[in-house]
Amino acid sequence: MTTIKAGGATADLDAVEAFRHRWEQAWNGHDGDAVAAMCADDLVYDEPAPARAAASNSTVTTGWNWVRTG
């Protein structure tokens, strides 16, 4: 097992890469259920692009249901 350390935390590099791959597949596949399954209930997601498109000041979304609203 290869481990990485950052900010006092240690992670299994293979697990991180597997998660990244699953996330990428779900995100690029527009699979909101798969993305949501990888998110914590208290997720805070900051994406400035939709706020710019809507001329809004809010860029932060909380929870994980946002991925299902498409």
Protein backbone atom coordinates (compact mmCIF):
# COMPACT_ATOMS: atom_id res chain seq x y z
CA MET A 1 0.00 0.00 0.00
CA THR A 2 1.31 3.41 -0.97
CA THR A 3 0.37 6.20 1.40
CA ILE A 4 0.43 9.95 1.01
CA LYS A 5 0.61 12.54 3.76
CA ALA A 6 -0.71 16.07 3.67
CA GLY A 7 -1.56 18.43 6.48
CA GLY A 8 -1.08 15.74 9.10
CA ALA A 9 -3.48 13.32 7.38
CA THR A 10 -2.46 10.03 5.79
CA ALA A 11 -4.34 8.41 2.92
CA ASP A 12 -4.02 5.22 0.91
CA LEU A 13 -3.04 6.41 -2.57
CA ASP A 14 -4.78 3.47 -4.26
CA ALA A 15 -8.04 4.31 -2.44
CA VAL A 16 -7.73 7.98 -3.40
CA GLU A 17 -7.14 7.07 -7.04
CA ALA A 18 -10.08 4.63 -7.03
CA PHE A 19 -12.35 7.33 -5.58
CA ARG A 20 -11.12 9.86 -8.15
CA HIS A 21 -11.85 7.41 -10.94
CA ARG A 22 -15.37 6.67 -9.65
CA TRP A 23 -16.04 10.41 -9.23
CA GLU A 24 -14.78 11.21 -12.71
CA GLN A 25 -16.89 8.46 -14.28
CA ALA A 26 -20.03 9.56 -12.42
CA TRP A 27 -19.49 13.29 -13.02
CA ASN A 28 -18.65 12.97 -16.71
CA GLY A 29 -21.47 10.45 -17.14
CA HIS A 30 -23.97 12.92 -15.64
CA ASP A 31 -24.93 10.24 -13.09
CA GLY A 32 -26.28 12.37 -10.24
CA ASP A 33 -27.17 9.36 -8.10
CA ALA A 34 -23.61 8.01 -8.31
CA VAL A 35 -22.12 11.43 -7.48
CA ALA A 36 -24.54 11.88 -4.57
CA ALA A 37 -23.59 8.46 -3.21
CA MET A 38 -20.01 9.70 -2.82
CA CYS A 39 -21.01 12.91 -0.99
CA ALA A 40 -21.50 13.52 2.71
CA ASP A 41 -24.91 14.82 3.77
CA ASP A 42 -23.31 18.06 4.96
CA LEU A 43 -21.37 18.68 1.73
CA VAL A 44 -20.69 22.32 0.86
CA TYR A 45 -20.03 22.77 -2.86
CA ASP A 46 -18.76 26.06 -4.26
CA GLU A 47 -19.13 26.43 -8.02
CA PRO A 48 -18.90 30.00 -9.31
CA ALA A 49 -19.95 29.30 -12.93
CA PRO A 50 -23.72 28.91 -12.29
CA ALA A 51 -23.77 32.10 -10.22
CA ARG A 52 -22.13 34.01 -13.06
CA ALA A 53 -24.62 32.58 -15.56
CA ALA A 54 -27.54 33.54 -13.32
CA ALA A 55 -26.03 36.93 -12.39
CA SER A 56 -26.27 35.85 -8.76
CA ASN A 57 -23.91 36.43 -5.87
CA SER A 58 -24.45 32.95 -4.44
CA THR A 59 -21.94 30.28 -5.46
CA VAL A 60 -22.36 27.89 -2.54
CA THR A 61 -24.73 24.93 -2.52
CA THR A 62 -25.22 22.77 0.56
CA GLY A 63 -26.26 19.15 0.79
CA TRP A 64 -26.00 16.69 -2.05
CA ASN A 65 -29.38 16.83 -3.77
CA TRP A 66 -28.08 19.55 -6.11
CA VAL A 67 -26.52 16.85 -8.28
CA ARG A 68 -29.95 15.41 -8.97
CA THR A 69 -31.51 18.70 -10.07
CA GLY A 70 -29.55 18.61 -13.32
